[in-house]
Amino acid sequence: MSKLSTHVLDTANGCPAKGMKIEFVRAPGTGEELLKTCVTNSDGRTDELLLSAEQMAAGEYELRFNVGEYFAGLSGENSSDPAFLNIVPIRFTITDPQQGYHVPLVCSQWSFSTYRGS
């Protein structure tokens, strides 16, 4: 099924990242278009797909995960020191809009990883 989805796992605490803000952008850089801003639910997923089958289109996209804000909120820190990881951008290309794309983020305050899921 063609669609675009994401989810976030908090490896520092061994749980889904509930309440992380994500910005979703088409054509990042010059002429970019903010498609939506969403917040992860208790399962670390967005409540709706980033792109449904009808919305899927070839092109370059970027997900911007607000990791610094998420971890600061967990610890209750109100520090003026910036987080080591603040915004984690994942830029990717949809080449075949007939396929399903899943772009997860696995992160801590100090590191992150991603992959193309199904």
PDB file of N, CA and C in Angstrom:
ATOM      1  N   MET A   1       0.844  -1.179   0.000  1.00  0.00           N
ATOM      2  CA  MET A   1       0.000   0.000   0.000  1.00  0.00           C
ATOM      3  C   MET A   1       0.885   1.237   0.000  1.00  0.00           C
ATOM      4  N   SER A   2       0.616   2.174  -0.864  1.00  0.00           N
ATOM      5  CA  SER A   2       1.419   3.387  -0.912  1.00  0.00           C
ATOM      6  C   SER A   2       1.003   4.334   0.204  1.00  0.00           C
ATOM      7  N   LYS A   3       2.012   4.804   0.925  1.00  0.00           N
ATOM      8  CA  LYS A   3       1.802   5.718   2.043  1.00  0.00           C
ATOM      9  C   LYS A   3       3.165   6.140   2.553  1.00  0.00           C
ATOM     10  N   LEU A   4       3.181   7.178   3.390  1.00  0.00           N
ATOM     11  CA  LEU A   4       4.392   7.580   4.097  1.00  0.00           C
ATOM     12  C   LEU A   4       4.041   7.688   5.568  1.00  0.00           C
ATOM     13  N   SER A   5       4.841   7.022   6.403  1.00  0.00           N
ATOM     14  CA  SER A   5       4.619   7.068   7.847  1.00  0.00           C
ATOM     15  C   SER A   5       5.962   7.158   8.560  1.00  0.00           C
ATOM     16  N   THR A   6       5.893   7.421   9.871  1.00  0.00           N
ATOM     17  CA  THR A   6       7.093   7.492  10.697  1.00  0.00           C
ATOM     18  C   THR A   6       6.749   7.066  12.112  1.00  0.00           C
ATOM     19  N   HIS A   7       7.767   6.783  12.877  1.00  0.00           N
ATOM     20  CA  HIS A   7       7.615   6.636  14.324  1.00  0.00           C
ATOM     21  C   HIS A   7       8.966   6.884  14.961  1.00  0.00           C
ATOM     22  N   VAL A   8       8.945   7.142  16.280  1.00  0.00           N
ATOM     23  CA  VAL A   8      10.165   7.497  16.994  1.00  0.00           C
ATOM     24  C   VAL A   8      10.299   6.619  18.229  1.00  0.00           C
ATOM     25  N   LEU A   9      11.469   6.029  18.387  1.00  0.00           N
ATOM     26  CA  LEU A   9      11.781   5.230  19.567  1.00  0.00           C
ATOM     27  C   LEU A   9      12.877   5.921  20.373  1.00  0.00           C
ATOM     28  N   ASP A  10      12.651   6.059  21.649  1.00  0.00           N
ATOM     29  CA  ASP A  10      13.564   6.688  22.600  1.00  0.00           C
ATOM     30  C   ASP A  10      14.424   5.576  23.212  1.00  0.00           C
ATOM     31  N   THR A  11      15.656   5.420  22.717  1.00  0.00           N
ATOM     32  CA  THR A  11      16.513   4.339  23.201  1.00  0.00           C
ATOM     33  C   THR A  11      17.126   4.653  24.571  1.00  0.00           C
ATOM     34  N   ALA A  12      17.176   5.904  24.946  1.00  0.00           N
ATOM     35  CA  ALA A  12      17.725   6.262  26.263  1.00  0.00           C
ATOM     36  C   ALA A  12      16.817   5.759  27.374  1.00  0.00           C
ATOM     37  N   ASN A  13      15.518   5.752  27.118  1.00  0.00           N
ATOM     38  CA  ASN A  13      14.554   5.343  28.138  1.00  0.00           C
ATOM     39  C   ASN A  13      13.829   4.045  27.795  1.00  0.00           C
ATOM     40  N   GLY A  14      14.153   3.471  26.640  1.00  0.00           N
ATOM     41  CA  GLY A  14      13.583   2.197  26.244  1.00  0.00           C
ATOM     42  C   GLY A  14      12.087   2.233  26.002  1.00  0.00           C
ATOM     43  N   CYS A  15      11.616   3.276  25.304  1.00  0.00           N
ATOM     44  CA  CYS A  15      10.168   3.411  25.084  1.00  0.00           C
ATOM     45  C   CYS A  15       9.897   4.216  23.817  1.00  0.00           C
ATOM     46  N   PRO A  16       8.644   4.206  23.350  1.00  0.00           N
ATOM     47  CA  PRO A  16       8.285   5.100  22.254  1.00  0.00           C
ATOM     48  C   PRO A  16       8.416   6.558  22.716  1.00  0.00           C
ATOM     49  N   ALA A  17       8.758   7.436  21.792  1.00  0.00           N
ATOM     50  CA  ALA A  17       8.933   8.854  22.112  1.00  0.00           C
ATOM     51  C   ALA A  17       7.591   9.574  22.001  1.00  0.00           C
ATOM     52  N   LYS A  18       6.867   9.627  23.088  1.00  0.00           N
ATOM     53  CA  LYS A  18       5.556  10.287  23.130  1.00  0.00           C
ATOM     54  C   LYS A  18       5.731  11.802  23.240  1.00  0.00           C
ATOM     55  N   GLY A  19       5.030  12.539  22.386  1.00  0.00           N
ATOM     56  CA  GLY A  19       5.025  13.996  22.473  1.00  0.00           C
ATOM     57  C   GLY A  19       6.138  14.700  21.719  1.00  0.00           C
ATOM     58  N   MET A  20       6.806  14.015  20.784  1.00  0.00           N
ATOM     59  CA  MET A  20       7.853  14.673  20.000  1.00  0.00           C
ATOM     60  C   MET A  20       7.240  15.382  18.803  1.00  0.00           C
ATOM     61  N   LYS A  21       7.593  16.639  18.633  1.00  0.00           N
ATOM     62  CA  LYS A  21       7.118  17.437  17.501  1.00  0.00           C
ATOM     63  C   LYS A  21       7.937  17.090  16.262  1.00  0.00           C
ATOM     64  N   ILE A  22       7.240  16.952  15.136  1.00  0.00           N
ATOM     65  CA  ILE A  22       7.876  16.647  13.855  1.00  0.00           C
ATOM     66  C   ILE A  22       7.341  17.612  12.809  1.00  0.00           C
ATOM     67  N   GLU A  23       8.251  18.210  12.050  1.00  0.00           N
ATOM     68  CA  GLU A  23       7.863  19.030  10.908  1.00  0.00           C
ATOM     69  C   GLU A  23       8.159  18.234   9.641  1.00  0.00           C
ATOM     70  N   PHE A  24       7.229  18.267   8.693  1.00  0.00           N
ATOM     71  CA  PHE A  24       7.352  17.515   7.451  1.00  0.00           C
ATOM     72  C   PHE A  24       7.356  18.503   6.293  1.00  0.00           C
ATOM     73  N   VAL A  25       8.424  18.457   5.480  1.00  0.00           N
ATOM     74  CA  VAL A  25       8.673  19.456   4.446  1.00  0.00           C
ATOM     75  C   VAL A  25       8.883  18.791   3.085  1.00  0.00           C
ATOM     76  N   ARG A  26       8.309  19.393   2.052  1.00  0.00           N
ATOM     77  CA  ARG A  26       8.585  18.963   0.677  1.00  0.00           C
ATOM     78  C   ARG A  26       9.623  19.915   0.082  1.00  0.00           C
ATOM     79  N   ALA A  27      10.528  19.385  -0.727  1.00  0.00           N
ATOM     80  CA  ALA A  27      11.569  20.158  -1.410  1.00  0.00           C
ATOM     81  C   ALA A  27      12.365  21.001  -0.423  1.00  0.00           C
ATOM     82  N   PRO A  28      13.027  20.351   0.570  1.00  0.00           N
ATOM     83  CA  PRO A  28      13.785  21.111   1.564  1.00  0.00           C
ATOM     84  C   PRO A  28      14.845  21.996   0.918  1.00  0.00           C
ATOM     85  N   GLY A  29      15.081  23.124   1.531  1.00  0.00           N
ATOM     86  CA  GLY A  29      16.026  24.089   0.978  1.00  0.00           C
ATOM     87  C   GLY A  29      15.254  25.186   0.277  1.00  0.00           C
ATOM     88  N   THR A  30      15.736  25.601  -0.862  1.00  0.00           N
ATOM     89  CA  THR A  30      15.096  26.678  -1.619  1.00  0.00           C
ATOM     90  C   THR A  30      13.694  26.267  -2.063  1.00  0.00           C
ATOM     91  N   GLY A  31      12.724  27.091  -1.744  1.00  0.00           N
ATOM     92  CA  GLY A  31      11.357  26.848  -2.173  1.00  0.00           C
ATOM     93  C   GLY A  31      10.649  25.755  -1.403  1.00  0.00           C
ATOM     94  N   GLU A  32      11.140  25.428  -0.217  1.00  0.00           N
ATOM     95  CA  GLU A  32      10.512  24.341   0.536  1.00  0.00           C
ATOM     96  C   GLU A  32       9.094  24.697   0.958  1.00  0.00           C
ATOM     97  N   GLU A  33       8.312  23.637   1.152  1.00  0.00           N
ATOM     98  CA  GLU A  33       6.916  23.800   1.558  1.00  0.00           C
ATOM     99  C   GLU A  33       6.667  22.954   2.801  1.00  0.00           C
ATOM    100  N   LEU A  34       6.251  23.599   3.879  1.00  0.00           N
ATOM    101  CA  LEU A  34       5.887  22.875   5.093  1.00  0.00           C
ATOM    102  C   LEU A  34       4.548  22.201   4.845  1.00  0.00           C
ATOM    103  N   LEU A  35       4.552  20.867   4.847  1.00  0.00           N
ATOM    104  CA  LEU A  35       3.321  20.119   4.586  1.00  0.00           C
ATOM    105  C   LEU A  35       2.506  19.918   5.847  1.00  0.00           C
ATOM    106  N   LYS A  36       3.174  19.624   6.957  1.00  0.00           N
ATOM    107  CA  LYS A  36       2.447  19.484   8.218  1.00  0.00           C
ATOM    108  C   LYS A  36       3.405  19.452   9.388  1.00  0.00           C
ATOM    109  N   THR A  37       2.848  19.779  10.531  1.00  0.00           N
ATOM    110  CA  THR A  37       3.529  19.654  11.809  1.00  0.00           C
ATOM    111  C   THR A  37       2.667  18.729  12.648  1.00  0.00           C
ATOM    112  N   CYS A  38       3.289  17.743  13.253  1.00  0.00           N
ATOM    113  CA  CYS A  38       2.524  16.792  14.063  1.00  0.00           C
ATOM    114  C   CYS A  38       3.311  16.450  15.325  1.00  0.00           C
ATOM    115  N   VAL A  39       2.650  15.763  16.233  1.00  0.00           N
ATOM    116  CA  VAL A  39       3.245  15.344  17.503  1.00  0.00           C
ATOM    117  C   VAL A  39       2.992  13.849  17.658  1.00  0.00           C
ATOM    118  N   THR A  40       4.005  13.127  18.098  1.00  0.00           N
ATOM    119  CA  THR A  40       3.858  11.678  18.248  1.00  0.00           C
ATOM    120  C   THR A  40       2.923  11.336  19.400  1.00  0.00           C
ATOM    121  N   ASN A  41       2.219  10.224  19.232  1.00  0.00           N
ATOM    122  CA  ASN A  41       1.291   9.746  20.258  1.00  0.00           C
ATOM    123  C   ASN A  41       2.004   8.819  21.247  1.00  0.00           C
ATOM    124  N   SER A  42       1.273   8.135  22.097  1.00  0.00           N
ATOM    125  CA  SER A  42       1.868   7.292  23.145  1.00  0.00           C
ATOM    126  C   SER A  42       2.634   6.102  22.582  1.00  0.00           C
ATOM    127  N   ASP A  43       2.412   5.782  21.301  1.00  0.00           N
ATOM    128  CA  ASP A  43       3.146   4.700  20.648  1.00  0.00           C
ATOM    129  C   ASP A  43       4.331   5.231  19.844  1.00  0.00           C
ATOM    130  N   GLY A  44       4.587   6.539  19.926  1.00  0.00           N
ATOM    131  CA  GLY A  44       5.691   7.156  19.190  1.00  0.00           C
ATOM    132  C   GLY A  44       5.390   7.359  17.716  1.00  0.00           C
ATOM    133  N   ARG A  45       4.132   7.231  17.344  1.00  0.00           N
ATOM    134  CA  ARG A  45       3.708   7.374  15.950  1.00  0.00           C
ATOM    135  C   ARG A  45       2.841   8.628  15.799  1.00  0.00           C
ATOM    136  N   THR A  46       2.670   9.045  14.561  1.00  0.00           N
ATOM    137  CA  THR A  46       1.742  10.144  14.304  1.00  0.00           C
ATOM    138  C   THR A  46       0.342   9.553  14.189  1.00  0.00           C
ATOM    139  N   ASP A  47      -0.657  10.306  14.598  1.00  0.00           N
ATOM    140  CA  ASP A  47      -2.039   9.805  14.554  1.00  0.00           C
ATOM    141  C   ASP A  47      -2.548   9.611  13.131  1.00  0.00           C
ATOM    142  N   GLU A  48      -1.983  10.346  12.192  1.00  0.00           N
ATOM    143  CA  GLU A  48      -2.370  10.179  10.791  1.00  0.00           C
ATOM    144  C   GLU A  48      -1.121   9.990   9.950  1.00  0.00           C
ATOM    145  N   LEU A  49      -1.289   9.418   8.775  1.00  0.00           N
ATOM    146  CA  LEU A  49      -0.170   9.235   7.857  1.00  0.00           C
ATOM    147  C   LEU A  49       0.415  10.590   7.469  1.00  0.00           C
ATOM    148  N   LEU A  50       1.700  10.610   7.184  1.00  0.00           N
ATOM    149  CA  LEU A  50       2.302  11.838   6.671  1.00  0.00           C
ATOM    150  C   LEU A  50       1.791  12.103   5.258  1.00  0.00           C
ATOM    151  N   LEU A  51       1.727  11.050   4.455  1.00  0.00           N
ATOM    152  CA  LEU A  51       1.122  11.120   3.129  1.00  0.00           C
ATOM    153  C   LEU A  51       0.254   9.881   2.936  1.00  0.00           C
ATOM    154  N   SER A  52      -0.976  10.078   2.559  1.00  0.00           N
ATOM    155  CA  SER A  52      -1.867   8.958   2.237  1.00  0.00           C
ATOM    156  C   SER A  52      -1.576   8.502   0.804  1.00  0.00           C
ATOM    157  N   ALA A  53      -2.196   7.418   0.393  1.00  0.00           N
ATOM    158  CA  ALA A  53      -2.009   6.911  -0.973  1.00  0.00           C
ATOM    159  C   ALA A  53      -2.337   7.995  -2.008  1.00  0.00           C
ATOM    160  N   GLU A  54      -3.381   8.762  -1.752  1.00  0.00           N
ATOM    161  CA  GLU A  54      -3.790   9.814  -2.687  1.00  0.00           C
ATOM    162  C   GLU A  54      -2.808  10.974  -2.731  1.00  0.00           C
ATOM    163  N   GLN A  55      -2.076  11.199  -1.650  1.00  0.00           N
ATOM    164  CA  GLN A  55      -1.151  12.331  -1.561  1.00  0.00           C
ATOM    165  C   GLN A  55       0.268  11.991  -2.000  1.00  0.00           C
ATOM    166  N   MET A  56       0.562  10.709  -2.147  1.00  0.00           N
ATOM    167  CA  MET A  56       1.932  10.299  -2.486  1.00  0.00           C
ATOM    168  C   MET A  56       2.371  10.907  -3.810  1.00  0.00           C
ATOM    169  N   ALA A  57       3.585  11.459  -3.822  1.00  0.00           N
ATOM    170  CA  ALA A  57       4.160  12.054  -5.031  1.00  0.00           C
ATOM    171  C   ALA A  57       5.668  11.906  -4.966  1.00  0.00           C
ATOM    172  N   ALA A  58       6.273  11.647  -6.108  1.00  0.00           N
ATOM    173  CA  ALA A  58       7.729  11.565  -6.175  1.00  0.00           C
ATOM    174  C   ALA A  58       8.316  12.922  -5.808  1.00  0.00           C
ATOM    175  N   GLY A  59       9.490  12.896  -5.176  1.00  0.00           N
ATOM    176  CA  GLY A  59      10.164  14.141  -4.826  1.00  0.00           C
ATOM    177  C   GLY A  59      11.036  13.991  -3.608  1.00  0.00           C
ATOM    178  N   GLU A  60      11.673  15.083  -3.244  1.00  0.00           N
ATOM    179  CA  GLU A  60      12.547  15.105  -2.074  1.00  0.00           C
ATOM    180  C   GLU A  60      11.785  15.684  -0.890  1.00  0.00           C
ATOM    181  N   TYR A  61      11.936  15.043   0.256  1.00  0.00           N
ATOM    182  CA  TYR A  61      11.223  15.423   1.473  1.00  0.00           C
ATOM    183  C   TYR A  61      12.190  15.454   2.644  1.00  0.00           C
ATOM    184  N   GLU A  62      11.745  16.071   3.731  1.00  0.00           N
ATOM    185  CA  GLU A  62      12.543  16.077   4.955  1.00  0.00           C
ATOM    186  C   GLU A  62      11.620  16.028   6.163  1.00  0.00           C
ATOM    187  N   LEU A  63      11.981  15.178   7.105  1.00  0.00           N
ATOM    188  CA  LEU A  63      11.342  15.141   8.419  1.00  0.00           C
ATOM    189  C   LEU A  63      12.296  15.805   9.393  1.00  0.00           C
ATOM    190  N   ARG A  64      11.789  16.709  10.209  1.00  0.00           N
ATOM    191  CA  ARG A  64      12.605  17.415  11.210  1.00  0.00           C
ATOM    192  C   ARG A  64      12.063  17.055  12.588  1.00  0.00           C
ATOM    193  N   PHE A  65      12.811  16.217  13.280  1.00  0.00           N
ATOM    194  CA  PHE A  65      12.414  15.719  14.589  1.00  0.00           C
ATOM    195  C   PHE A  65      12.978  16.636  15.675  1.00  0.00           C
ATOM    196  N   ASN A  66      12.138  17.130  16.562  1.00  0.00           N
ATOM    197  CA  ASN A  66      12.544  18.045  17.628  1.00  0.00           C
ATOM    198  C   ASN A  66      13.015  17.248  18.851  1.00  0.00           C
ATOM    199  N   VAL A  67      14.185  16.637  18.699  1.00  0.00           N
ATOM    200  CA  VAL A  67      14.748  15.749  19.715  1.00  0.00           C
ATOM    201  C   VAL A  67      15.152  16.518  20.972  1.00  0.00           C
ATOM    202  N   GLY A  68      15.791  17.664  20.825  1.00  0.00           N
ATOM    203  CA  GLY A  68      16.243  18.448  21.971  1.00  0.00           C
ATOM    204  C   GLY A  68      15.088  18.866  22.866  1.00  0.00           C
ATOM    205  N   GLU A  69      14.027  19.348  22.268  1.00  0.00           N
ATOM    206  CA  GLU A  69      12.839  19.774  23.015  1.00  0.00           C
ATOM    207  C   GLU A  69      12.199  18.581  23.730  1.00  0.00           C
ATOM    208  N   TYR A  70      12.152  17.438  23.055  1.00  0.00           N
ATOM    209  CA  TYR A  70      11.570  16.223  23.639  1.00  0.00           C
ATOM    210  C   TYR A  70      12.334  15.792  24.900  1.00  0.00           C
ATOM    211  N   PHE A  71      13.653  15.675  24.794  1.00  0.00           N
ATOM    212  CA  PHE A  71      14.434  15.213  25.949  1.00  0.00           C
ATOM    213  C   PHE A  71      14.478  16.252  27.063  1.00  0.00           C
ATOM    214  N   ALA A  72      14.492  17.536  26.728  1.00  0.00           N
ATOM    215  CA  ALA A  72      14.445  18.578  27.761  1.00  0.00           C
ATOM    216  C   ALA A  72      13.132  18.489  28.529  1.00  0.00           C
ATOM    217  N   GLY A  73      12.040  18.202  27.831  1.00  0.00           N
ATOM    218  CA  GLY A  73      10.742  18.072  28.475  1.00  0.00           C
ATOM    219  C   GLY A  73      10.674  16.884  29.416  1.00  0.00           C
ATOM    220  N   LEU A  74      11.369  15.801  29.074  1.00  0.00           N
ATOM    221  CA  LEU A  74      11.378  14.619  29.943  1.00  0.00           C
ATOM    222  C   LEU A  74      12.118  14.871  31.242  1.00  0.00           C
ATOM    223  N   SER A  75      13.221  15.603  31.130  1.00  0.00           N
ATOM    224  CA  SER A  75      14.058  15.828  32.309  1.00  0.00           C
ATOM    225  C   SER A  75      13.605  17.048  33.106  1.00  0.00           C
ATOM    226  N   GLY A  76      12.713  17.831  32.523  1.00  0.00           N
ATOM    227  CA  GLY A  76      12.256  19.032  33.204  1.00  0.00           C
ATOM    228  C   GLY A  76      13.302  20.129  33.198  1.00  0.00           C
ATOM    229  N   GLU A  77      14.315  19.975  32.360  1.00  0.00           N
ATOM    230  CA  GLU A  77      15.394  20.967  32.297  1.00  0.00           C
ATOM    231  C   GLU A  77      14.883  22.260  31.688  1.00  0.00           C
ATOM    232  N   ASN A  78      15.314  23.340  32.244  1.00  0.00           N
ATOM    233  CA  ASN A  78      15.013  24.652  31.696  1.00  0.00           C
ATOM    234  C   ASN A  78      16.336  25.381  31.537  1.00  0.00           C
ATOM    235  N   SER A  79      17.264  24.720  30.871  1.00  0.00           N
ATOM    236  CA  SER A  79      18.627  25.214  30.753  1.00  0.00           C
ATOM    237  C   SER A  79      18.774  26.124  29.541  1.00  0.00           C
ATOM    238  N   SER A  80      19.664  27.070  29.657  1.00  0.00           N
ATOM    239  CA  SER A  80      19.975  27.920  28.514  1.00  0.00           C
ATOM    240  C   SER A  80      21.016  27.245  27.621  1.00  0.00           C
ATOM    241  N   ASP A  81      21.609  26.142  28.100  1.00  0.00           N
ATOM    242  CA  ASP A  81      22.563  25.392  27.291  1.00  0.00           C
ATOM    243  C   ASP A  81      21.817  24.623  26.215  1.00  0.00           C
ATOM    244  N   PRO A  82      22.253  24.731  24.968  1.00  0.00           N
ATOM    245  CA  PRO A  82      21.572  23.983  23.912  1.00  0.00           C
ATOM    246  C   PRO A  82      21.823  22.487  24.051  1.00  0.00           C
ATOM    247  N   ALA A  83      20.847  21.712  23.627  1.00  0.00           N
ATOM    248  CA  ALA A  83      20.993  20.258  23.636  1.00  0.00           C
ATOM    249  C   ALA A  83      22.045  19.848  22.612  1.00  0.00           C
ATOM    250  N   PHE A  84      22.694  18.720  22.851  1.00  0.00           N
ATOM    251  CA  PHE A  84      23.660  18.218  21.876  1.00  0.00           C
ATOM    252  C   PHE A  84      22.963  17.979  20.537  1.00  0.00           C
ATOM    253  N   LEU A  85      21.870  17.222  20.552  1.00  0.00           N
ATOM    254  CA  LEU A  85      21.029  17.070  19.365  1.00  0.00           C
ATOM    255  C   LEU A  85      19.791  17.928  19.581  1.00  0.00           C
ATOM    256  N   ASN A  86      19.533  18.815  18.671  1.00  0.00           N
ATOM    257  CA  ASN A  86      18.367  19.670  18.790  1.00  0.00           C
ATOM    258  C   ASN A  86      17.318  19.218  17.778  1.00  0.00           C
ATOM    259  N   ILE A  87      17.517  19.566  16.531  1.00  0.00           N
ATOM    260  CA  ILE A  87      16.646  19.130  15.444  1.00  0.00           C
ATOM    261  C   ILE A  87      17.397  18.064  14.656  1.00  0.00           C
ATOM    262  N   VAL A  88      16.774  16.909  14.471  1.00  0.00           N
ATOM    263  CA  VAL A  88      17.363  15.852  13.648  1.00  0.00           C
ATOM    264  C   VAL A  88      16.622  15.844  12.312  1.00  0.00           C
ATOM    265  N   PRO A  89      17.312  16.275  11.236  1.00  0.00           N
ATOM    266  CA  PRO A  89      16.672  16.263   9.923  1.00  0.00           C
ATOM    267  C   PRO A  89      16.968  14.950   9.195  1.00  0.00           C
ATOM    268  N   ILE A  90      15.942  14.378   8.615  1.00  0.00           N
ATOM    269  CA  ILE A  90      16.132  13.196   7.772  1.00  0.00           C
ATOM    270  C   ILE A  90      15.577  13.540   6.401  1.00  0.00           C
ATOM    271  N   ARG A  91      16.488  13.664   5.432  1.00  0.00           N
ATOM    272  CA  ARG A  91      16.109  14.022   4.062  1.00  0.00           C
ATOM    273  C   ARG A  91      16.105  12.742   3.235  1.00  0.00           C
ATOM    274  N   PHE A  92      15.043  12.546   2.488  1.00  0.00           N
ATOM    275  CA  PHE A  92      14.893  11.320   1.711  1.00  0.00           C
ATOM    276  C   PHE A  92      14.131  11.624   0.431  1.00  0.00           C
ATOM    277  N   THR A  93      14.170  10.669  -0.485  1.00  0.00           N
ATOM    278  CA  THR A  93      13.515  10.832  -1.779  1.00  0.00           C
ATOM    279  C   THR A  93      12.497   9.720  -1.996  1.00  0.00           C
ATOM    280  N   ILE A  94      11.318  10.112  -2.400  1.00  0.00           N
ATOM    281  CA  ILE A  94      10.309   9.150  -2.836  1.00  0.00           C
ATOM    282  C   ILE A  94      10.447   9.049  -4.352  1.00  0.00           C
ATOM    283  N   THR A  95      10.837   7.873  -4.809  1.00  0.00           N
ATOM    284  CA  THR A  95      11.017   7.672  -6.246  1.00  0.00           C
ATOM    285  C   THR A  95       9.823   6.981  -6.885  1.00  0.00           C
ATOM    286  N   ASP A  96       9.143   6.137  -6.115  1.00  0.00           N
ATOM    287  CA  ASP A  96       7.996   5.395  -6.632  1.00  0.00           C
ATOM    288  C   ASP A  96       6.803   5.600  -5.707  1.00  0.00           C
ATOM    289  N   PRO A  97       5.895   6.511  -6.050  1.00  0.00           N
ATOM    290  CA  PRO A  97       4.761   6.807  -5.178  1.00  0.00           C
ATOM    291  C   PRO A  97       3.772   5.649  -5.011  1.00  0.00           C
ATOM    292  N   GLN A  98       3.972   4.567  -5.730  1.00  0.00           N
ATOM    293  CA  GLN A  98       3.112   3.392  -5.594  1.00  0.00           C
ATOM    294  C   GLN A  98       3.570   2.497  -4.444  1.00  0.00           C
ATOM    295  N   GLN A  99       4.749   2.747  -3.911  1.00  0.00           N
ATOM    296  CA  GLN A  99       5.283   1.946  -2.809  1.00  0.00           C
ATOM    297  C   GLN A  99       4.972   2.586  -1.460  1.00  0.00           C
ATOM    298  N   GLY A 100       5.085   1.789  -0.418  1.00  0.00           N
ATOM    299  CA  GLY A 100       4.964   2.302   0.935  1.00  0.00           C
ATOM    300  C   GLY A 100       6.329   2.720   1.456  1.00  0.00           C
ATOM    301  N   TYR A 101       6.373   3.832   2.151  1.00  0.00           N
ATOM    302  CA  TYR A 101       7.612   4.331   2.750  1.00  0.00           C
ATOM    303  C   TYR A 101       7.364   4.551   4.242  1.00  0.00           C
ATOM    304  N   HIS A 102       8.285   4.053   5.044  1.00  0.00           N
ATOM    305  CA  HIS A 102       8.220   4.248   6.498  1.00  0.00           C
ATOM    306  C   HIS A 102       9.598   4.724   6.921  1.00  0.00           C
ATOM    307  N   VAL A 103       9.670   5.875   7.596  1.00  0.00           N
ATOM    308  CA  VAL A 103      10.949   6.482   7.978  1.00  0.00           C
ATOM    309  C   VAL A 103      10.978   6.630   9.498  1.00  0.00           C
ATOM    310  N   PRO A 104      11.466   5.611  10.206  1.00  0.00           N
ATOM    311  CA  PRO A 104      11.535   5.688  11.666  1.00  0.00           C
ATOM    312  C   PRO A 104      12.808   6.380  12.150  1.00  0.00           C
ATOM    313  N   LEU A 105      12.734   6.894  13.362  1.00  0.00           N
ATOM    314  CA  LEU A 105      13.898   7.480  14.030  1.00  0.00           C
ATOM    315  C   LEU A 105      14.082   6.751  15.348  1.00  0.00           C
ATOM    316  N   VAL A 106      15.298   6.286  15.580  1.00  0.00           N
ATOM    317  CA  VAL A 106      15.691   5.673  16.848  1.00  0.00           C
ATOM    318  C   VAL A 106      16.715   6.629  17.446  1.00  0.00           C
ATOM    319  N   CYS A 107      16.455   7.153  18.662  1.00  0.00           N
ATOM    320  CA  CYS A 107      17.324   8.223  19.146  1.00  0.00           C
ATOM    321  C   CYS A 107      17.502   8.224  20.661  1.00  0.00           C
ATOM    322  N   SER A 108      18.545   8.930  21.062  1.00  0.00           N
ATOM    323  CA  SER A 108      18.781   9.311  22.451  1.00  0.00           C
ATOM    324  C   SER A 108      19.173  10.790  22.405  1.00  0.00           C
ATOM    325  N   GLN A 109      19.605  11.329  23.537  1.00  0.00           N
ATOM    326  CA  GLN A 109      20.061  12.729  23.540  1.00  0.00           C
ATOM    327  C   GLN A 109      21.357  12.901  22.751  1.00  0.00           C
ATOM    328  N   TRP A 110      22.082  11.799  22.525  1.00  0.00           N
ATOM    329  CA  TRP A 110      23.437  11.870  21.983  1.00  0.00           C
ATOM    330  C   TRP A 110      23.605  11.227  20.611  1.00  0.00           C
ATOM    331  N   SER A 111      22.621  10.455  20.153  1.00  0.00           N
ATOM    332  CA  SER A 111      22.795   9.748  18.885  1.00  0.00           C
ATOM    333  C   SER A 111      21.444   9.438  18.259  1.00  0.00           C
ATOM    334  N   PHE A 112      21.492   9.110  16.963  1.00  0.00           N
ATOM    335  CA  PHE A 112      20.264   8.706  16.280  1.00  0.00           C
ATOM    336  C   PHE A 112      20.606   7.797  15.118  1.00  0.00           C
ATOM    337  N   SER A 113      19.588   7.066  14.680  1.00  0.00           N
ATOM    338  CA  SER A 113      19.713   6.180  13.524  1.00  0.00           C
ATOM    339  C   SER A 113      18.357   6.130  12.844  1.00  0.00           C
ATOM    340  N   THR A 114      18.388   5.834  11.546  1.00  0.00           N
ATOM    341  CA  THR A 114      17.156   5.687  10.795  1.00  0.00           C
ATOM    342  C   THR A 114      17.371   4.627   9.740  1.00  0.00           C
ATOM    343  N   TYR A 115      16.299   4.230   9.098  1.00  0.00           N
ATOM    344  CA  TYR A 115      16.347   3.248   8.015  1.00  0.00           C
ATOM    345  C   TYR A 115      15.050   3.359   7.232  1.00  0.00           C
ATOM    346  N   ARG A 116      14.996   2.731   6.083  1.00  0.00           N
ATOM    347  CA  ARG A 116      13.732   2.691   5.357  1.00  0.00           C
ATOM    348  C   ARG A 116      12.999   1.434   5.786  1.00  0.00           C
ATOM    349  N   GLY A 117      11.901   1.644   6.463  1.00  0.00           N
ATOM    350  CA  GLY A 117      11.079   0.532   6.914  1.00  0.00           C
ATOM    351  C   GLY A 117       9.993   0.232   5.900  1.00  0.00           C
ATOM    352  N   SER A 118       9.134  -0.669   6.272  1.00  0.00           N
ATOM    353  CA  SER A 118       8.049  -1.043   5.356  1.00  0.00           C
ATOM    354  C   SER A 118       6.699  -0.633   5.922  1.00  0.00           C
TER     355      SER A 118
END
